[in-house]
Amino acid sequence: MKKIIVLMTMAVLMSNSSCSQNQKKETMQEKNNLSELYTKVKSYKEQPEYWIFIHSNNCSYTATINDIPIYTDFNEGDMKSLSFPLNPLLPKTGAYVLKLALLPKQDENFNLDSKIEKDSKIQVKITRSADKHEKIILDQTVTINEDGLPYIEKNFNFNIDVPYSLVGWSKSVDLKDEDGEKLKKEVV
């Protein structure tokens, strides 16, 4: 008799649990109805795209925008090129600084040489495309004319104009000086 009561109680609990999950699922579907989701997305008249193009010759490099690393290339060959969109790295209209740190290229053991070779070169271009028109925002070339330099850093200023403003990391808080155990308890 006790077994029957326990089994019936479990069946009722499982049934209630299943029903509550169905209700939660329906509520989630109502909130995130895909056929209506597009109405919540903000659209802008102009949708500019910013792209960076980097061509390096006989050198490795790191690239940052406003001190945020965007790309690192340890080149073991003579020439290398790349391009990628910058919009995810540009949270709002304003002035930005592209910093290129030129380094020696890698040897066959994946170690950096001790110095940048003379006649090494890096070209960087940033473009803005909107309404089927492209405009060059930044176009710079750095050529190494000296022998024996271990490292060179160049900064290039550029301005962008976008219709959006993202918070991104601008309101972040540095937690390195906080009590690690206390933070862990808060997170858990």
N, C-alpha and C. Protein backbone atom coordinates (compact mmCIF):
# COMPACT_ATOMS: atom_id res chain seq x y z
N MET A 1 0.82 -1.19 0.00
CA MET A 1 0.00 0.00 0.00
C MET A 1 0.87 1.26 0.00
N LYS A 2 1.94 1.23 0.83
CA LYS A 2 2.84 2.38 0.90
C LYS A 2 3.51 2.62 -0.45
N LYS A 3 3.87 1.53 -1.14
CA LYS A 3 4.53 1.67 -2.45
C LYS A 3 3.60 2.35 -3.45
N ILE A 4 2.32 2.01 -3.40
CA ILE A 4 1.35 2.58 -4.33
C ILE A 4 1.20 4.08 -4.07
N ILE A 5 1.15 4.45 -2.79
CA ILE A 5 1.02 5.86 -2.43
C ILE A 5 2.25 6.64 -2.90
N VAL A 6 3.44 6.08 -2.67
CA VAL A 6 4.68 6.73 -3.09
C VAL A 6 4.70 6.88 -4.62
N LEU A 7 4.32 5.84 -5.34
CA LEU A 7 4.32 5.89 -6.80
C LEU A 7 3.30 6.91 -7.31
N MET A 8 2.12 6.98 -6.70
CA MET A 8 1.12 7.95 -7.11
C MET A 8 1.60 9.38 -6.84
N THR A 9 2.24 9.60 -5.70
CA THR A 9 2.77 10.92 -5.34
C THR A 9 3.83 11.35 -6.36
N MET A 10 4.71 10.43 -6.71
CA MET A 10 5.76 10.75 -7.69
C MET A 10 5.16 11.08 -9.05
N ALA A 11 4.11 10.33 -9.44
CA ALA A 11 3.47 10.58 -10.72
C ALA A 11 2.83 11.97 -10.75
N VAL A 12 2.18 12.35 -9.63
CA VAL A 12 1.56 13.68 -9.56
C VAL A 12 2.63 14.76 -9.62
N LEU A 13 3.73 14.59 -8.89
CA LEU A 13 4.82 15.59 -8.90
C LEU A 13 5.43 15.73 -10.28
N MET A 14 5.66 14.61 -10.94
CA MET A 14 6.26 14.66 -12.27
C MET A 14 5.30 15.32 -13.26
N SER A 15 4.03 15.05 -13.11
CA SER A 15 3.03 15.67 -13.98
C SER A 15 2.99 17.18 -13.79
N ASN A 16 3.02 17.62 -12.53
CA ASN A 16 3.03 19.05 -12.23
C ASN A 16 4.30 19.71 -12.75
N SER A 17 5.41 19.03 -12.58
CA SER A 17 6.69 19.56 -13.06
C SER A 17 6.66 19.72 -14.58
N SER A 18 6.13 18.72 -15.25
CA SER A 18 6.04 18.78 -16.70
C SER A 18 5.14 19.92 -17.16
N CYS A 19 4.04 20.12 -16.48
CA CYS A 19 3.12 21.20 -16.85
C CYS A 19 3.77 22.56 -16.64
N SER A 20 4.50 22.71 -15.52
CA SER A 20 5.13 24.01 -15.26
C SER A 20 6.22 24.29 -16.29
N GLN A 21 6.92 23.26 -16.75
CA GLN A 21 7.93 23.47 -17.78
C GLN A 21 7.28 23.90 -19.08
N ASN A 22 6.13 23.30 -19.40
CA ASN A 22 5.43 23.70 -20.62
C ASN A 22 4.97 25.14 -20.54
N GLN A 23 4.51 25.56 -19.35
CA GLN A 23 4.08 26.94 -19.18
C GLN A 23 5.26 27.89 -19.35
N LYS A 24 6.41 27.53 -18.76
CA LYS A 24 7.61 28.37 -18.90
C LYS A 24 8.02 28.46 -20.37
N LYS A 25 7.96 27.34 -21.05
CA LYS A 25 8.35 27.30 -22.45
C LYS A 25 7.46 28.21 -23.29
N GLU A 26 6.15 28.13 -23.04
CA GLU A 26 5.22 28.98 -23.78
C GLU A 26 5.48 30.45 -23.50
N THR A 27 5.76 30.80 -22.24
CA THR A 27 6.04 32.18 -21.88
C THR A 27 7.29 32.67 -22.59
N MET A 28 8.34 31.83 -22.63
CA MET A 28 9.58 32.19 -23.33
C MET A 28 9.32 32.40 -24.82
N GLN A 29 8.50 31.53 -25.40
CA GLN A 29 8.21 31.65 -26.83
C GLN A 29 7.42 32.92 -27.11
N GLU A 30 6.51 33.28 -26.19
CA GLU A 30 5.75 34.51 -26.37
C GLU A 30 6.67 35.72 -26.33
N LYS A 31 7.64 35.73 -25.41
CA LYS A 31 8.55 36.86 -25.27
C LYS A 31 9.50 36.97 -26.45
N ASN A 32 9.90 35.83 -27.01
CA ASN A 32 10.90 35.82 -28.08
C ASN A 32 10.32 35.29 -29.38
N ASN A 33 9.15 35.75 -29.73
CA ASN A 33 8.52 35.32 -30.96
C ASN A 33 9.36 35.83 -32.14
N LEU A 34 9.94 34.90 -32.87
CA LEU A 34 10.85 35.27 -33.95
C LEU A 34 10.18 36.08 -35.05
N SER A 35 8.92 35.84 -35.27
CA SER A 35 8.24 36.58 -36.33
C SER A 35 8.06 38.05 -35.96
N GLU A 36 8.17 38.39 -34.67
CA GLU A 36 8.03 39.78 -34.24
C GLU A 36 9.35 40.39 -33.76
N LEU A 37 10.38 39.56 -33.65
CA LEU A 37 11.65 40.03 -33.11
C LEU A 37 12.26 41.15 -33.97
N TYR A 38 12.09 41.06 -35.28
CA TYR A 38 12.68 42.07 -36.16
C TYR A 38 12.16 43.48 -35.87
N THR A 39 10.97 43.59 -35.31
CA THR A 39 10.42 44.91 -35.02
C THR A 39 11.15 45.60 -33.87
N LYS A 40 11.86 44.81 -33.05
CA LYS A 40 12.59 45.37 -31.91
C LYS A 40 14.01 45.79 -32.28
N VAL A 41 14.48 45.37 -33.45
CA VAL A 41 15.84 45.70 -33.88
C VAL A 41 15.85 47.10 -34.47
N LYS A 42 16.76 47.94 -33.95
CA LYS A 42 16.84 49.31 -34.44
C LYS A 42 17.62 49.33 -35.76
N SER A 43 17.06 50.00 -36.75
CA SER A 43 17.69 50.10 -38.04
C SER A 43 18.08 51.56 -38.29
N TYR A 44 19.19 51.76 -38.99
CA TYR A 44 19.69 53.10 -39.28
C TYR A 44 19.65 53.36 -40.77
N LYS A 45 19.41 54.62 -41.12
CA LYS A 45 19.35 55.00 -42.54
C LYS A 45 20.68 54.69 -43.21
N GLU A 46 21.77 55.11 -42.59
CA GLU A 46 23.10 54.83 -43.12
C GLU A 46 23.75 53.74 -42.27
N GLN A 47 24.35 52.76 -42.93
CA GLN A 47 24.99 51.65 -42.23
C GLN A 47 26.43 51.50 -42.73
N PRO A 48 27.32 52.37 -42.25
CA PRO A 48 28.70 52.32 -42.76
C PRO A 48 29.45 51.09 -42.25
N GLU A 49 30.34 50.61 -43.10
CA GLU A 49 31.23 49.51 -42.73
C GLU A 49 32.66 50.02 -42.78
N TYR A 50 33.40 49.76 -41.71
CA TYR A 50 34.81 50.12 -41.66
C TYR A 50 35.63 48.84 -41.77
N TRP A 51 36.65 48.88 -42.63
CA TRP A 51 37.53 47.73 -42.85
C TRP A 51 38.97 48.15 -42.69
N ILE A 52 39.79 47.21 -42.22
CA ILE A 52 41.23 47.44 -42.15
C ILE A 52 41.91 46.44 -43.08
N PHE A 53 42.92 46.92 -43.79
CA PHE A 53 43.74 46.10 -44.69
C PHE A 53 45.20 46.28 -44.26
N ILE A 54 45.88 45.17 -43.97
CA ILE A 54 47.28 45.24 -43.55
C ILE A 54 48.10 44.32 -44.45
N HIS A 55 49.16 44.88 -44.98
CA HIS A 55 50.09 44.12 -45.83
C HIS A 55 51.48 44.27 -45.21
N SER A 56 52.08 43.16 -44.80
CA SER A 56 53.41 43.21 -44.18
C SER A 56 54.43 42.49 -45.05
N ASN A 57 55.66 42.97 -44.97
CA ASN A 57 56.75 42.40 -45.75
C ASN A 57 57.98 42.29 -44.86
N ASN A 58 58.42 41.06 -44.58
CA ASN A 58 59.63 40.77 -43.80
C ASN A 58 59.56 41.22 -42.34
N CYS A 59 58.39 41.28 -41.75
CA CYS A 59 58.31 41.65 -40.33
C CYS A 59 57.07 41.04 -39.69
N SER A 60 57.12 40.92 -38.39
CA SER A 60 55.96 40.55 -37.59
C SER A 60 55.39 41.84 -37.03
N TYR A 61 54.18 41.79 -36.49
CA TYR A 61 53.61 43.02 -35.93
C TYR A 61 52.45 42.69 -35.00
N THR A 62 52.12 43.66 -34.17
CA THR A 62 50.88 43.64 -33.40
C THR A 62 50.15 44.94 -33.73
N ALA A 63 48.83 44.87 -33.75
CA ALA A 63 48.01 46.05 -34.04
C ALA A 63 46.97 46.22 -32.94
N THR A 64 46.82 47.46 -32.46
CA THR A 64 45.81 47.77 -31.45
C THR A 64 45.04 49.01 -31.90
N ILE A 65 43.79 49.10 -31.47
CA ILE A 65 43.01 50.32 -31.63
C ILE A 65 42.62 50.78 -30.24
N ASN A 66 43.03 51.99 -29.89
CA ASN A 66 42.83 52.53 -28.54
C ASN A 66 43.29 51.52 -27.48
N ASP A 67 44.45 50.93 -27.73
CA ASP A 67 45.11 49.97 -26.84
C ASP A 67 44.38 48.64 -26.68
N ILE A 68 43.39 48.37 -27.51
CA ILE A 68 42.72 47.07 -27.51
C ILE A 68 43.33 46.24 -28.64
N PRO A 69 43.92 45.09 -28.33
CA PRO A 69 44.54 44.28 -29.38
C PRO A 69 43.51 43.84 -30.43
N ILE A 70 43.87 44.07 -31.69
CA ILE A 70 42.97 43.64 -32.77
C ILE A 70 43.59 42.54 -33.62
N TYR A 71 44.93 42.50 -33.70
CA TYR A 71 45.55 41.44 -34.49
C TYR A 71 47.04 41.37 -34.17
N THR A 72 47.55 40.13 -34.17
CA THR A 72 48.98 39.88 -34.01
C THR A 72 49.40 38.89 -35.08
N ASP A 73 50.50 39.19 -35.74
CA ASP A 73 51.00 38.30 -36.79
C ASP A 73 52.49 38.09 -36.61
N PHE A 74 52.88 36.86 -36.35
CA PHE A 74 54.30 36.52 -36.29
C PHE A 74 54.65 35.87 -37.61
N ASN A 75 55.15 36.68 -38.52
CA ASN A 75 55.37 36.29 -39.90
C ASN A 75 56.68 35.52 -40.04
N GLU A 76 56.59 34.37 -40.67
CA GLU A 76 57.81 33.61 -40.95
C GLU A 76 58.16 33.65 -42.43
N GLY A 77 57.38 34.35 -43.21
CA GLY A 77 57.63 34.44 -44.65
C GLY A 77 57.94 35.85 -45.07
N ASP A 78 57.96 36.07 -46.36
CA ASP A 78 58.29 37.38 -46.88
C ASP A 78 57.10 38.34 -46.84
N MET A 79 55.95 37.92 -47.37
CA MET A 79 54.80 38.83 -47.45
C MET A 79 53.55 38.17 -46.88
N LYS A 80 52.69 39.03 -46.33
CA LYS A 80 51.43 38.54 -45.80
C LYS A 80 50.42 39.67 -45.83
N SER A 81 49.16 39.36 -46.16
CA SER A 81 48.10 40.36 -46.21
C SER A 81 46.86 39.84 -45.50
N LEU A 82 46.08 40.77 -44.96
CA LEU A 82 44.82 40.40 -44.35
C LEU A 82 43.88 41.58 -44.37
N SER A 83 42.61 41.29 -44.20
CA SER A 83 41.60 42.35 -44.06
C SER A 83 40.47 41.80 -43.21
N PHE A 84 39.84 42.68 -42.44
CA PHE A 84 38.68 42.29 -41.64
C PHE A 84 37.90 43.53 -41.25
N PRO A 85 36.61 43.35 -40.91
CA PRO A 85 35.77 44.48 -40.54
C PRO A 85 36.13 45.02 -39.16
N LEU A 86 36.03 46.34 -39.00
CA LEU A 86 36.38 46.99 -37.73
C LEU A 86 35.16 47.39 -36.90
N ASN A 87 33.97 47.38 -37.46
CA ASN A 87 32.80 47.88 -36.73
C ASN A 87 32.64 47.30 -35.32
N PRO A 88 32.88 46.01 -35.10
CA PRO A 88 32.74 45.50 -33.74
C PRO A 88 33.73 46.13 -32.74
N LEU A 89 34.78 46.75 -33.25
CA LEU A 89 35.80 47.36 -32.39
C LEU A 89 35.64 48.87 -32.27
N LEU A 90 34.62 49.42 -32.92
CA LEU A 90 34.39 50.87 -32.94
C LEU A 90 33.03 51.16 -32.31
N PRO A 91 32.98 51.39 -31.00
CA PRO A 91 31.69 51.51 -30.33
C PRO A 91 30.92 52.80 -30.58
N LYS A 92 31.60 53.87 -31.01
CA LYS A 92 30.87 55.13 -31.22
C LYS A 92 31.69 56.06 -32.12
N THR A 93 31.03 57.11 -32.57
CA THR A 93 31.69 58.13 -33.38
C THR A 93 32.79 58.79 -32.56
N GLY A 94 33.92 59.06 -33.22
CA GLY A 94 34.98 59.76 -32.51
C GLY A 94 36.36 59.48 -33.06
N ALA A 95 37.36 59.89 -32.28
CA ALA A 95 38.76 59.74 -32.65
C ALA A 95 39.31 58.43 -32.10
N TYR A 96 40.12 57.77 -32.90
CA TYR A 96 40.74 56.51 -32.52
C TYR A 96 42.23 56.56 -32.87
N VAL A 97 43.00 55.69 -32.21
CA VAL A 97 44.43 55.58 -32.48
C VAL A 97 44.75 54.14 -32.83
N LEU A 98 45.28 53.96 -34.03
CA LEU A 98 45.79 52.66 -34.45
C LEU A 98 47.27 52.63 -34.12
N LYS A 99 47.68 51.64 -33.33
CA LYS A 99 49.08 51.50 -32.96
C LYS A 99 49.62 50.22 -33.59
N LEU A 100 50.70 50.37 -34.36
CA LEU A 100 51.38 49.23 -34.96
C LEU A 100 52.74 49.07 -34.29
N ALA A 101 53.01 47.89 -33.77
CA ALA A 101 54.31 47.58 -33.20
C ALA A 101 54.98 46.59 -34.16
N LEU A 102 56.03 47.05 -34.84
CA LEU A 102 56.74 46.20 -35.79
C LEU A 102 57.83 45.44 -35.06
N LEU A 103 57.88 44.15 -35.34
CA LEU A 103 58.81 43.23 -34.69
C LEU A 103 59.58 42.46 -35.76
N PRO A 104 60.70 41.84 -35.38
CA PRO A 104 61.41 40.99 -36.35
C PRO A 104 60.55 39.80 -36.75
N LYS A 105 60.82 39.25 -37.91
CA LYS A 105 60.06 38.08 -38.33
C LYS A 105 60.57 36.84 -37.60
N GLN A 106 59.81 35.75 -37.69
CA GLN A 106 60.17 34.50 -37.03
C GLN A 106 61.18 33.72 -37.86
N ASP A 107 61.97 32.93 -37.16
CA ASP A 107 62.85 32.01 -37.87
C ASP A 107 62.15 30.66 -38.00
N GLU A 108 62.87 29.68 -38.53
CA GLU A 108 62.26 28.36 -38.76
C GLU A 108 61.90 27.62 -37.47
N ASN A 109 62.45 28.07 -36.34
CA ASN A 109 62.13 27.47 -35.03
C ASN A 109 61.05 28.26 -34.28
N PHE A 110 60.40 29.19 -34.96
CA PHE A 110 59.32 30.01 -34.42
C PHE A 110 59.80 30.98 -33.33
N ASN A 111 61.07 31.36 -33.38
CA ASN A 111 61.61 32.38 -32.49
C ASN A 111 61.77 33.67 -33.28
N LEU A 112 61.53 34.80 -32.63
CA LEU A 112 61.73 36.07 -33.31
C LEU A 112 63.21 36.32 -33.52
N ASP A 113 63.54 36.83 -34.70
CA ASP A 113 64.93 37.24 -34.94
C ASP A 113 65.27 38.37 -33.98
N SER A 114 66.54 38.71 -33.89
CA SER A 114 66.97 39.74 -32.94
C SER A 114 66.70 41.15 -33.46
N LYS A 115 66.55 41.31 -34.77
CA LYS A 115 66.32 42.64 -35.31
C LYS A 115 65.45 42.59 -36.56
N ILE A 116 64.81 43.71 -36.82
CA ILE A 116 63.98 43.84 -38.02
C ILE A 116 64.91 44.04 -39.21
N GLU A 117 64.63 43.33 -40.28
CA GLU A 117 65.47 43.46 -41.48
C GLU A 117 65.27 44.81 -42.15
N LYS A 118 66.36 45.34 -42.69
CA LYS A 118 66.27 46.58 -43.47
C LYS A 118 65.37 46.32 -44.67
N ASP A 119 64.63 47.33 -45.07
CA ASP A 119 63.66 47.28 -46.17
C ASP A 119 62.40 46.49 -45.82
N SER A 120 62.20 46.15 -44.55
CA SER A 120 60.92 45.59 -44.14
C SER A 120 59.88 46.68 -44.24
N LYS A 121 58.63 46.28 -44.44
CA LYS A 121 57.61 47.29 -44.69
C LYS A 121 56.27 46.78 -44.20
N ILE A 122 55.42 47.72 -43.76
CA ILE A 122 54.04 47.41 -43.43
C ILE A 122 53.16 48.53 -43.96
N GLN A 123 52.09 48.14 -44.63
CA GLN A 123 51.13 49.10 -45.17
C GLN A 123 49.79 48.85 -44.48
N VAL A 124 49.13 49.93 -44.09
CA VAL A 124 47.83 49.80 -43.44
C VAL A 124 46.86 50.78 -44.07
N LYS A 125 45.65 50.28 -44.32
CA LYS A 125 44.62 51.14 -44.89
C LYS A 125 43.31 50.85 -44.16
N ILE A 126 42.59 51.91 -43.80
CA ILE A 126 41.26 51.78 -43.21
C ILE A 126 40.29 52.48 -44.15
N THR A 127 39.23 51.77 -44.50
CA THR A 127 38.24 52.33 -45.41
C THR A 127 36.87 52.37 -44.76
N ARG A 128 36.05 53.26 -45.29
CA ARG A 128 34.64 53.38 -44.87
C ARG A 128 33.78 53.18 -46.10
N SER A 129 32.88 52.21 -46.04
CA SER A 129 31.96 51.95 -47.15
C SER A 129 30.54 52.21 -46.69
N ALA A 130 29.81 53.01 -47.46
CA ALA A 130 28.41 53.28 -47.16
C ALA A 130 27.72 53.66 -48.46
N ASP A 131 26.54 53.15 -48.66
CA ASP A 131 25.75 53.46 -49.85
C ASP A 131 26.54 53.26 -51.14
N LYS A 132 27.26 52.15 -51.21
CA LYS A 132 28.04 51.76 -52.39
C LYS A 132 29.18 52.72 -52.72
N HIS A 133 29.60 53.52 -51.73
CA HIS A 133 30.74 54.41 -51.92
C HIS A 133 31.80 54.06 -50.88
N GLU A 134 33.05 54.05 -51.33
CA GLU A 134 34.15 53.75 -50.41
C GLU A 134 35.04 54.97 -50.26
N LYS A 135 35.42 55.23 -49.02
CA LYS A 135 36.30 56.36 -48.72
C LYS A 135 37.47 55.84 -47.90
N ILE A 136 38.67 56.27 -48.24
CA ILE A 136 39.86 55.87 -47.48
C ILE A 136 40.00 56.81 -46.29
N ILE A 137 39.98 56.23 -45.10
CA ILE A 137 40.08 56.99 -43.85
C ILE A 137 41.54 57.14 -43.42
N LEU A 138 42.31 56.10 -43.65
CA LEU A 138 43.73 56.08 -43.25
C LEU A 138 44.49 55.26 -44.27
N ASP A 139 45.63 55.77 -44.72
CA ASP A 139 46.48 55.04 -45.66
C ASP A 139 47.92 55.39 -45.33
N GLN A 140 48.63 54.47 -44.68
CA GLN A 140 49.99 54.73 -44.23
C GLN A 140 50.90 53.55 -44.56
N THR A 141 52.16 53.87 -44.80
CA THR A 141 53.18 52.85 -45.02
C THR A 141 54.36 53.17 -44.12
N VAL A 142 54.88 52.14 -43.47
CA VAL A 142 56.07 52.27 -42.64
C VAL A 142 57.14 51.38 -43.26
N THR A 143 58.26 52.00 -43.65
CA THR A 143 59.38 51.27 -44.23
C THR A 143 60.58 51.40 -43.31
N ILE A 144 61.23 50.28 -43.06
CA ILE A 144 62.41 50.27 -42.20
C ILE A 144 63.64 50.55 -43.07
N ASN A 145 64.25 51.72 -42.84
CA ASN A 145 65.41 52.10 -43.63
C ASN A 145 66.72 51.89 -42.89
N GLU A 146 66.63 51.56 -41.61
CA GLU A 146 67.83 51.34 -40.79
C GLU A 146 68.03 49.85 -40.57
N ASP A 147 69.25 49.50 -40.29
CA ASP A 147 69.56 48.11 -40.00
C ASP A 147 69.69 47.94 -38.48
N GLY A 148 69.23 46.82 -37.95
CA GLY A 148 69.47 46.48 -36.56
C GLY A 148 68.46 46.97 -35.54
N LEU A 149 67.28 47.43 -35.96
CA LEU A 149 66.27 47.89 -35.01
C LEU A 149 65.52 46.69 -34.45
N PRO A 150 65.39 46.60 -33.12
CA PRO A 150 64.70 45.44 -32.54
C PRO A 150 63.18 45.59 -32.51
N TYR A 151 62.71 46.86 -32.59
CA TYR A 151 61.29 47.12 -32.38
C TYR A 151 60.98 48.54 -32.82
N ILE A 152 59.85 48.72 -33.47
CA ILE A 152 59.40 50.07 -33.84
C ILE A 152 57.90 50.16 -33.56
N GLU A 153 57.49 51.30 -33.02
CA GLU A 153 56.07 51.51 -32.76
C GLU A 153 55.62 52.79 -33.45
N LYS A 154 54.51 52.70 -34.18
CA LYS A 154 53.95 53.86 -34.88
C LYS A 154 52.49 54.00 -34.51
N ASN A 155 52.07 55.25 -34.28
CA ASN A 155 50.68 55.55 -33.97
C ASN A 155 50.06 56.35 -35.11
N PHE A 156 48.83 56.01 -35.45
CA PHE A 156 48.10 56.71 -36.51
C PHE A 156 46.71 57.08 -35.99
N ASN A 157 46.37 58.35 -36.08
CA ASN A 157 45.07 58.83 -35.64
C ASN A 157 44.08 58.78 -36.80
N PHE A 158 42.85 58.42 -36.49
CA PHE A 158 41.78 58.45 -37.50
C PHE A 158 40.45 58.69 -36.79
N ASN A 159 39.50 59.20 -37.53
CA ASN A 159 38.16 59.49 -37.01
C ASN A 159 37.14 58.64 -37.74
N ILE A 160 36.11 58.25 -37.00
CA ILE A 160 35.02 57.50 -37.61
C ILE A 160 33.70 58.17 -37.28
N ASP A 161 32.71 57.88 -38.11
CA ASP A 161 31.37 58.41 -37.90
C ASP A 161 30.39 57.27 -38.10
N VAL A 162 29.76 56.84 -37.00
CA VAL A 162 28.78 55.77 -37.06
C VAL A 162 27.46 56.25 -36.44
N PRO A 163 26.34 55.69 -36.85
CA PRO A 163 25.05 56.16 -36.33
C PRO A 163 24.68 55.57 -34.97
N TYR A 164 25.49 54.69 -34.43
CA TYR A 164 25.18 54.02 -33.17
C TYR A 164 26.17 54.43 -32.08
N SER A 165 25.83 54.10 -30.86
CA SER A 165 26.73 54.30 -29.73
C SER A 165 26.55 53.11 -28.80
N LEU A 166 27.60 52.31 -28.67
CA LEU A 166 27.57 51.12 -27.83
C LEU A 166 28.30 51.38 -26.52
N VAL A 167 27.83 50.79 -25.45
CA VAL A 167 28.49 50.95 -24.15
C VAL A 167 29.79 50.14 -24.14
N GLY A 168 29.74 48.91 -24.67
CA GLY A 168 30.93 48.06 -24.71
C GLY A 168 31.56 47.92 -23.34
N TRP A 169 32.87 48.11 -23.29
CA TRP A 169 33.62 47.97 -22.03
C TRP A 169 33.79 49.31 -21.32
N SER A 170 33.16 50.37 -21.81
CA SER A 170 33.41 51.71 -21.26
C SER A 170 32.98 51.88 -19.81
N LYS A 171 32.08 51.05 -19.32
CA LYS A 171 31.65 51.15 -17.93
C LYS A 171 32.15 49.97 -17.09
N SER A 172 33.22 49.36 -17.54
CA SER A 172 33.79 48.23 -16.82
C SER A 172 34.46 48.69 -15.54
N VAL A 173 34.61 47.75 -14.62
CA VAL A 173 35.27 48.02 -13.35
C VAL A 173 36.45 47.07 -13.23
N ASP A 174 37.60 47.58 -12.85
CA ASP A 174 38.79 46.77 -12.66
C ASP A 174 38.67 46.02 -11.33
N LEU A 175 38.67 44.70 -11.38
CA LEU A 175 38.48 43.88 -10.19
C LEU A 175 39.77 43.26 -9.66
N LYS A 176 40.91 43.62 -10.23
CA LYS A 176 42.15 42.96 -9.82
C LYS A 176 42.55 43.25 -8.37
N ASP A 177 42.10 44.38 -7.82
CA ASP A 177 42.45 44.71 -6.44
C ASP A 177 41.38 44.27 -5.44
N GLU A 178 40.33 43.60 -5.92
CA GLU A 178 39.25 43.14 -5.05
C GLU A 178 39.62 41.81 -4.40
N ASP A 179 38.92 41.47 -3.33
CA ASP A 179 39.11 40.20 -2.62
C ASP A 179 38.56 39.07 -3.49
N GLY A 180 39.45 38.18 -3.93
CA GLY A 180 39.08 37.09 -4.84
C GLY A 180 38.04 36.15 -4.26
N GLU A 181 38.15 35.80 -2.97
CA GLU A 181 37.20 34.90 -2.34
C GLU A 181 35.81 35.52 -2.27
N LYS A 182 35.77 36.82 -1.95
CA LYS A 182 34.48 37.53 -1.87
C LYS A 182 33.82 37.56 -3.25
N LEU A 183 34.60 37.86 -4.29
CA LEU A 183 34.07 37.88 -5.66
C LEU A 183 33.54 36.50 -6.05
N LYS A 184 34.29 35.46 -5.69
CA LYS A 184 33.88 34.10 -6.04
C LYS A 184 32.54 33.77 -5.41
N LYS A 185 32.36 34.16 -4.14
CA LYS A 185 31.08 33.91 -3.45
C LYS A 185 29.94 34.66 -4.13
N GLU A 186 30.20 35.90 -4.57
CA GLU A 186 29.16 36.67 -5.24
C GLU A 186 28.76 36.01 -6.56
N VAL A 187 29.74 35.52 -7.29
CA VAL A 187 29.46 34.90 -8.57
C VAL A 187 28.70 33.58 -8.39
N VAL A 188 29.16 32.78 -7.42
CA VAL A 188 28.53 31.49 -7.19
C VAL A 188 27.16 31.69 -6.59
